[in-house]
Amino acid sequence: MGKFYRYKLPPWLRHWIFVIERCTVPLMVYQIIRTLLIPTTLDVFLTGIFVGIFFAFYLDWI
């Protein structure tokens, strides 16, 4: 199976991937600060999801 190329996607989907990629870092920073101040199970879970999405974009998996 070939590598996933985001530039072969339809323009509307490619646009949303770029928007999500740009919004990931501010949301992740906010969630990390919130988890450090008021740690709940949901906050830890959301932080893990945001960090995972960030690394997926950083390593070009998405």
PDB file of N, CA and C in Angstrom:
ATOM      1  N   MET A   1       0.840  -1.170   0.000  1.00  0.00           N
ATOM      2  CA  MET A   1       0.000   0.000   0.000  1.00  0.00           C
ATOM      3  C   MET A   1       0.891   1.240   0.000  1.00  0.00           C
ATOM      4  N   GLY A   2       0.522   2.231  -0.773  1.00  0.00           N
ATOM      5  CA  GLY A   2       1.338   3.425  -0.917  1.00  0.00           C
ATOM      6  C   GLY A   2       1.219   4.375   0.257  1.00  0.00           C
ATOM      7  N   LYS A   3       2.115   5.338   0.261  1.00  0.00           N
ATOM      8  CA  LYS A   3       2.104   6.345   1.321  1.00  0.00           C
ATOM      9  C   LYS A   3       0.899   7.263   1.135  1.00  0.00           C
ATOM     10  N   PHE A   4       0.427   7.781   2.245  1.00  0.00           N
ATOM     11  CA  PHE A   4      -0.715   8.697   2.233  1.00  0.00           C
ATOM     12  C   PHE A   4      -0.242  10.077   1.781  1.00  0.00           C
ATOM     13  N   TYR A   5      -0.791  10.583   0.681  1.00  0.00           N
ATOM     14  CA  TYR A   5      -0.438  11.907   0.171  1.00  0.00           C
ATOM     15  C   TYR A   5      -1.615  12.852   0.397  1.00  0.00           C
ATOM     16  N   ARG A   6      -1.409  13.830   1.254  1.00  0.00           N
ATOM     17  CA  ARG A   6      -2.505  14.746   1.543  1.00  0.00           C
ATOM     18  C   ARG A   6      -2.802  15.667   0.377  1.00  0.00           C
ATOM     19  N   TYR A   7      -1.864  15.828  -0.550  1.00  0.00           N
ATOM     20  CA  TYR A   7      -2.091  16.734  -1.671  1.00  0.00           C
ATOM     21  C   TYR A   7      -2.915  16.088  -2.776  1.00  0.00           C
ATOM     22  N   LYS A   8      -3.189  14.801  -2.696  1.00  0.00           N
ATOM     23  CA  LYS A   8      -4.056  14.131  -3.664  1.00  0.00           C
ATOM     24  C   LYS A   8      -5.511  14.145  -3.226  1.00  0.00           C
ATOM     25  N   LEU A   9      -5.778  14.673  -2.043  1.00  0.00           N
ATOM     26  CA  LEU A   9      -7.147  14.731  -1.536  1.00  0.00           C
ATOM     27  C   LEU A   9      -7.920  15.855  -2.220  1.00  0.00           C
ATOM     28  N   PRO A  10      -9.243  15.815  -2.139  1.00  0.00           N
ATOM     29  CA  PRO A  10     -10.044  16.928  -2.675  1.00  0.00           C
ATOM     30  C   PRO A  10      -9.689  18.232  -1.958  1.00  0.00           C
ATOM     31  N   PRO A  11      -9.822  19.351  -2.654  1.00  0.00           N
ATOM     32  CA  PRO A  11      -9.427  20.641  -2.057  1.00  0.00           C
ATOM     33  C   PRO A  11     -10.131  20.955  -0.740  1.00  0.00           C
ATOM     34  N   TRP A  12     -11.406  20.634  -0.597  1.00  0.00           N
ATOM     35  CA  TRP A  12     -12.131  20.954   0.636  1.00  0.00           C
ATOM     36  C   TRP A  12     -11.595  20.140   1.802  1.00  0.00           C
ATOM     37  N   LEU A  13     -11.237  18.882   1.575  1.00  0.00           N
ATOM     38  CA  LEU A  13     -10.700  18.056   2.648  1.00  0.00           C
ATOM     39  C   LEU A  13      -9.277  18.475   3.003  1.00  0.00           C
ATOM     40  N   ARG A  14      -8.505  18.810   1.998  1.00  0.00           N
ATOM     41  CA  ARG A  14      -7.135  19.288   2.232  1.00  0.00           C
ATOM     42  C   ARG A  14      -7.159  20.582   3.032  1.00  0.00           C
ATOM     43  N   HIS A  15      -8.105  21.465   2.746  1.00  0.00           N
ATOM     44  CA  HIS A  15      -8.245  22.716   3.501  1.00  0.00           C
ATOM     45  C   HIS A  15      -8.533  22.437   4.973  1.00  0.00           C
ATOM     46  N   TRP A  16      -9.432  21.487   5.264  1.00  0.00           N
ATOM     47  CA  TRP A  16      -9.770  21.181   6.649  1.00  0.00           C
ATOM     48  C   TRP A  16      -8.609  20.532   7.381  1.00  0.00           C
ATOM     49  N   ILE A  17      -7.812  19.745   6.693  1.00  0.00           N
ATOM     50  CA  ILE A  17      -6.626  19.170   7.334  1.00  0.00           C
ATOM     51  C   ILE A  17      -5.652  20.275   7.716  1.00  0.00           C
ATOM     52  N   PHE A  18      -5.461  21.266   6.853  1.00  0.00           N
ATOM     53  CA  PHE A  18      -4.579  22.391   7.182  1.00  0.00           C
ATOM     54  C   PHE A  18      -5.128  23.205   8.353  1.00  0.00           C
ATOM     55  N   VAL A  19      -6.445  23.407   8.401  1.00  0.00           N
ATOM     56  CA  VAL A  19      -7.053  24.160   9.510  1.00  0.00           C
ATOM     57  C   VAL A  19      -6.855  23.412  10.826  1.00  0.00           C
ATOM     58  N   ILE A  20      -7.091  22.117  10.818  1.00  0.00           N
ATOM     59  CA  ILE A  20      -6.906  21.316  12.032  1.00  0.00           C
ATOM     60  C   ILE A  20      -5.442  21.324  12.461  1.00  0.00           C
ATOM     61  N   GLU A  21      -4.540  21.268  11.490  1.00  0.00           N
ATOM     62  CA  GLU A  21      -3.108  21.288  11.810  1.00  0.00           C
ATOM     63  C   GLU A  21      -2.708  22.598  12.472  1.00  0.00           C
ATOM     64  N   ARG A  22      -3.253  23.704  12.021  1.00  0.00           N
ATOM     65  CA  ARG A  22      -2.925  25.013  12.606  1.00  0.00           C
ATOM     66  C   ARG A  22      -3.558  25.213  13.976  1.00  0.00           C
ATOM     67  N   CYS A  23      -4.706  24.609  14.232  1.00  0.00           N
ATOM     68  CA  CYS A  23      -5.401  24.789  15.515  1.00  0.00           C
ATOM     69  C   CYS A  23      -4.911  23.834  16.597  1.00  0.00           C
ATOM     70  N   THR A  24      -4.141  22.828  16.235  1.00  0.00           N
ATOM     71  CA  THR A  24      -3.737  21.806  17.195  1.00  0.00           C
ATOM     72  C   THR A  24      -2.840  22.364  18.291  1.00  0.00           C
ATOM     73  N   VAL A  25      -1.846  23.165  17.947  1.00  0.00           N
ATOM     74  CA  VAL A  25      -0.887  23.654  18.947  1.00  0.00           C
ATOM     75  C   VAL A  25      -1.544  24.551  19.994  1.00  0.00           C
ATOM     76  N   PRO A  26      -2.343  25.560  19.618  1.00  0.00           N
ATOM     77  CA  PRO A  26      -2.974  26.378  20.673  1.00  0.00           C
ATOM     78  C   PRO A  26      -3.911  25.573  21.574  1.00  0.00           C
ATOM     79  N   LEU A  27      -4.678  24.651  20.985  1.00  0.00           N
ATOM     80  CA  LEU A  27      -5.556  23.817  21.797  1.00  0.00           C
ATOM     81  C   LEU A  27      -4.760  22.916  22.729  1.00  0.00           C
ATOM     82  N   MET A  28      -3.644  22.379  22.247  1.00  0.00           N
ATOM     83  CA  MET A  28      -2.820  21.510  23.066  1.00  0.00           C
ATOM     84  C   MET A  28      -2.206  22.283  24.238  1.00  0.00           C
ATOM     85  N   VAL A  29      -1.706  23.480  23.979  1.00  0.00           N
ATOM     86  CA  VAL A  29      -1.109  24.296  25.045  1.00  0.00           C
ATOM     87  C   VAL A  29      -2.164  24.641  26.089  1.00  0.00           C
ATOM     88  N   TYR A  30      -3.333  25.058  25.650  1.00  0.00           N
ATOM     89  CA  TYR A  30      -4.419  25.374  26.588  1.00  0.00           C
ATOM     90  C   TYR A  30      -4.784  24.156  27.423  1.00  0.00           C
ATOM     91  N   GLN A  31      -4.876  22.994  26.775  1.00  0.00           N
ATOM     92  CA  GLN A  31      -5.277  21.787  27.492  1.00  0.00           C
ATOM     93  C   GLN A  31      -4.202  21.339  28.479  1.00  0.00           C
ATOM     94  N   ILE A  32      -2.940  21.501  28.127  1.00  0.00           N
ATOM     95  CA  ILE A  32      -1.858  21.142  29.052  1.00  0.00           C
ATOM     96  C   ILE A  32      -1.887  22.046  30.288  1.00  0.00           C
ATOM     97  N   ILE A  33      -2.084  23.346  30.073  1.00  0.00           N
ATOM     98  CA  ILE A  33      -2.162  24.276  31.206  1.00  0.00           C
ATOM     99  C   ILE A  33      -3.357  23.940  32.087  1.00  0.00           C
ATOM    100  N   ARG A  34      -4.483  23.645  31.466  1.00  0.00           N
ATOM    101  CA  ARG A  34      -5.675  23.290  32.233  1.00  0.00           C
ATOM    102  C   ARG A  34      -5.471  21.995  33.006  1.00  0.00           C
ATOM    103  N   THR A  35      -4.774  21.030  32.392  1.00  0.00           N
ATOM    104  CA  THR A  35      -4.519  19.761  33.078  1.00  0.00           C
ATOM    105  C   THR A  35      -3.577  19.949  34.254  1.00  0.00           C
ATOM    106  N   LEU A  36      -2.621  20.844  34.133  1.00  0.00           N
ATOM    107  CA  LEU A  36      -1.710  21.092  35.235  1.00  0.00           C
ATOM    108  C   LEU A  36      -2.396  21.804  36.401  1.00  0.00           C
ATOM    109  N   LEU A  37      -3.370  22.673  36.101  1.00  0.00           N
ATOM    110  CA  LEU A  37      -4.053  23.423  37.154  1.00  0.00           C
ATOM    111  C   LEU A  37      -5.175  22.616  37.810  1.00  0.00           C
ATOM    112  N   ILE A  38      -6.017  21.993  37.014  1.00  0.00           N
ATOM    113  CA  ILE A  38      -7.171  21.252  37.525  1.00  0.00           C
ATOM    114  C   ILE A  38      -7.209  19.887  36.828  1.00  0.00           C
ATOM    115  N   PRO A  39      -6.417  18.929  37.298  1.00  0.00           N
ATOM    116  CA  PRO A  39      -6.381  17.639  36.606  1.00  0.00           C
ATOM    117  C   PRO A  39      -7.619  16.780  36.881  1.00  0.00           C
ATOM    118  N   THR A  40      -8.316  16.453  35.830  1.00  0.00           N
ATOM    119  CA  THR A  40      -9.409  15.488  35.906  1.00  0.00           C
ATOM    120  C   THR A  40      -9.126  14.397  34.876  1.00  0.00           C
ATOM    121  N   THR A  41      -9.889  13.345  34.934  1.00  0.00           N
ATOM    122  CA  THR A  41      -9.695  12.244  33.996  1.00  0.00           C
ATOM    123  C   THR A  41      -9.941  12.705  32.560  1.00  0.00           C
ATOM    124  N   LEU A  42     -10.965  13.502  32.353  1.00  0.00           N
ATOM    125  CA  LEU A  42     -11.273  14.003  31.015  1.00  0.00           C
ATOM    126  C   LEU A  42     -10.147  14.886  30.489  1.00  0.00           C
ATOM    127  N   ASP A  43      -9.590  15.745  31.339  1.00  0.00           N
ATOM    128  CA  ASP A  43      -8.492  16.613  30.916  1.00  0.00           C
ATOM    129  C   ASP A  43      -7.261  15.806  30.497  1.00  0.00           C
ATOM    130  N   VAL A  44      -6.939  14.785  31.257  1.00  0.00           N
ATOM    131  CA  VAL A  44      -5.784  13.945  30.912  1.00  0.00           C
ATOM    132  C   VAL A  44      -6.038  13.217  29.600  1.00  0.00           C
ATOM    133  N   PHE A  45      -7.247  12.725  29.417  1.00  0.00           N
ATOM    134  CA  PHE A  45      -7.614  12.034  28.182  1.00  0.00           C
ATOM    135  C   PHE A  45      -7.530  12.970  26.977  1.00  0.00           C
ATOM    136  N   LEU A  46      -8.092  14.182  27.102  1.00  0.00           N
ATOM    137  CA  LEU A  46      -8.043  15.151  26.003  1.00  0.00           C
ATOM    138  C   LEU A  46      -6.614  15.590  25.700  1.00  0.00           C
ATOM    139  N   THR A  47      -5.796  15.755  26.734  1.00  0.00           N
ATOM    140  CA  THR A  47      -4.398  16.118  26.522  1.00  0.00           C
ATOM    141  C   THR A  47      -3.685  15.036  25.724  1.00  0.00           C
ATOM    142  N   GLY A  48      -3.930  13.788  26.050  1.00  0.00           N
ATOM    143  CA  GLY A  48      -3.330  12.684  25.304  1.00  0.00           C
ATOM    144  C   GLY A  48      -3.757  12.667  23.851  1.00  0.00           C
ATOM    145  N   ILE A  49      -5.027  12.956  23.600  1.00  0.00           N
ATOM    146  CA  ILE A  49      -5.523  13.003  22.219  1.00  0.00           C
ATOM    147  C   ILE A  49      -4.859  14.143  21.455  1.00  0.00           C
ATOM    148  N   PHE A  50      -4.782  15.338  22.063  1.00  0.00           N
ATOM    149  CA  PHE A  50      -4.168  16.474  21.376  1.00  0.00           C
ATOM    150  C   PHE A  50      -2.683  16.260  21.121  1.00  0.00           C
ATOM    151  N   VAL A  51      -1.987  15.673  22.076  1.00  0.00           N
ATOM    152  CA  VAL A  51      -0.560  15.388  21.879  1.00  0.00           C
ATOM    153  C   VAL A  51      -0.383  14.352  20.774  1.00  0.00           C
ATOM    154  N   GLY A  52      -1.246  13.347  20.744  1.00  0.00           N
ATOM    155  CA  GLY A  52      -1.181  12.340  19.689  1.00  0.00           C
ATOM    156  C   GLY A  52      -1.433  12.929  18.308  1.00  0.00           C
ATOM    157  N   ILE A  53      -2.430  13.803  18.195  1.00  0.00           N
ATOM    158  CA  ILE A  53      -2.714  14.455  16.916  1.00  0.00           C
ATOM    159  C   ILE A  53      -1.547  15.346  16.506  1.00  0.00           C
ATOM    160  N   PHE A  54      -0.963  16.062  17.483  1.00  0.00           N
ATOM    161  CA  PHE A  54       0.180  16.920  17.174  1.00  0.00           C
ATOM    162  C   PHE A  54       1.346  16.105  16.621  1.00  0.00           C
ATOM    163  N   PHE A  55       1.683  14.990  17.276  1.00  0.00           N
ATOM    164  CA  PHE A  55       2.789  14.173  16.792  1.00  0.00           C
ATOM    165  C   PHE A  55       2.475  13.522  15.453  1.00  0.00           C
ATOM    166  N   ALA A  56       1.213  13.196  15.205  1.00  0.00           N
ATOM    167  CA  ALA A  56       0.837  12.638  13.901  1.00  0.00           C
ATOM    168  C   ALA A  56       1.082  13.665  12.793  1.00  0.00           C
ATOM    169  N   PHE A  57       0.752  14.925  13.034  1.00  0.00           N
ATOM    170  CA  PHE A  57       1.032  15.960  12.047  1.00  0.00           C
ATOM    171  C   PHE A  57       2.534  16.234  11.944  1.00  0.00           C
ATOM    172  N   TYR A  58       3.218  16.240  13.082  1.00  0.00           N
ATOM    173  CA  TYR A  58       4.648  16.547  13.103  1.00  0.00           C
ATOM    174  C   TYR A  58       5.462  15.488  12.359  1.00  0.00           C
ATOM    175  N   LEU A  59       5.082  14.234  12.499  1.00  0.00           N
ATOM    176  CA  LEU A  59       5.802  13.149  11.838  1.00  0.00           C
ATOM    177  C   LEU A  59       5.251  12.821  10.454  1.00  0.00           C
ATOM    178  N   ASP A  60       4.339  13.663   9.955  1.00  0.00           N
ATOM    179  CA  ASP A  60       3.722  13.515   8.626  1.00  0.00           C
ATOM    180  C   ASP A  60       2.978  12.197   8.467  1.00  0.00           C
ATOM    181  N   TRP A  61       2.334  11.735   9.526  1.00  0.00           N
ATOM    182  CA  TRP A  61       1.477  10.565   9.412  1.00  0.00           C
ATOM    183  C   TRP A  61       0.125  10.958   8.861  1.00  0.00           C
ATOM    184  N   ILE A  62      -0.238  12.230   9.026  1.00  0.00           N
ATOM    185  CA  ILE A  62      -1.510  12.755   8.492  1.00  0.00           C
ATOM    186  C   ILE A  62      -1.164  13.845   7.505  1.00  0.00           C
TER     187      ILE A  62
END
